Amino acid sequence: MNTFFCAESSRQAGEDIIGSGTNYPTYIFVECPTPWAGNAFESKSIPPNLQALVAQVKQSQLRVRFLLLAPNQSQPTNGTKVLIFDQEQGVLSRGYQKYEYNLASIEQVAGVVEQYLVGEKPDCAPETSETRDIMVCTHGSHDKCCARYGKPFYREASAIVAELSLSQVRIWQASHFGGHRFAPTAIDFPTGRYYGGLDGDSFKSILTRTGDIECMNRVYRGWSILPTSMQVLERELMLMHGWDWFDYQVAGKIIKQSFNNSTIKAELTCKTPNDSIYTYLAELVRDENR
């Protein structure tokens, strides 16, 4: 029996996980019963019209990430929930805007999503509640690390949220979104920040934005609104500014890069809640050992 787990190997090696938060402007989460296939949208509960839409979007090379969510037992819905997160428009951003729809069945998902993607107003009205949605990968049929580390952490995270009485925070089980060797791994919306190697203490700090900010050196994978090559710069600024950084609006761009991307000149601008604006320039050199 193969007992090797890449996540354990990564932790033992002290691998730096920054720069692994994939960069997408749009995420679409569809509630779907488990079990899921290794390729989530080939699962038996996915109707043909939704499979066709996902394939069409992929072929068109639109930067849209489709993922599944297991039904949330703590907040059940009669039907199928769809969560769409679109990156905030404008030069500076704090993350994503949420659009939440409750549909009668999963067969209706493709039509609503297609309307949304072409810029039409979907036939159903969105939910208007403000929530914080944390997606934990538990997709064991894709990679065993996601089940081995993701499922226990999902239960622990749910218990912590209940203990802290954070009624606006929802914990979800999600299909695979990359980084199984960093399991347990999660995405925190609406900010769109990726985390890995999580435990109870670091999760409490992330939830409450208190405690030692240095834990981000270990668990922060990066911010999805930024190119992966710039995420290490954002982490350094986070460590410099502390938890206040999470209230800043940010924009980042690559000014210049070498032909093989081994050296990058990057610019990151942030705006504080009191409207102070700071711009940072950095030269980033690729670690050839990674």
Foldseek 3Di string as FASTA:
>chain_A
DDPDALLVVCVVVLPFQALFQAAAQKEKEKEDADDAALPRCVGPQRDPLNNVLVVVCVVVVHRYHYKYWYAAPVDGDQEMKMWMWGFDDDQWGLATDIWIDGDNYNVCVNVQVVCVVVPHHGPGHTDDDQAKEKEWECNCNNPVLSVVARPVVLVLLVVVCVVVVVVRYDYIHMHDDDDSSQPRKIAIPPNGWIWGPDDNVVSVCVVVQDDQLCCCSRIGHATNNDRSQCRVVVSVVCNVVGSQSSQKIKHKDWDDADPVRQKTWMKMWIAGPVGDIDIDIDIDGDDPVD
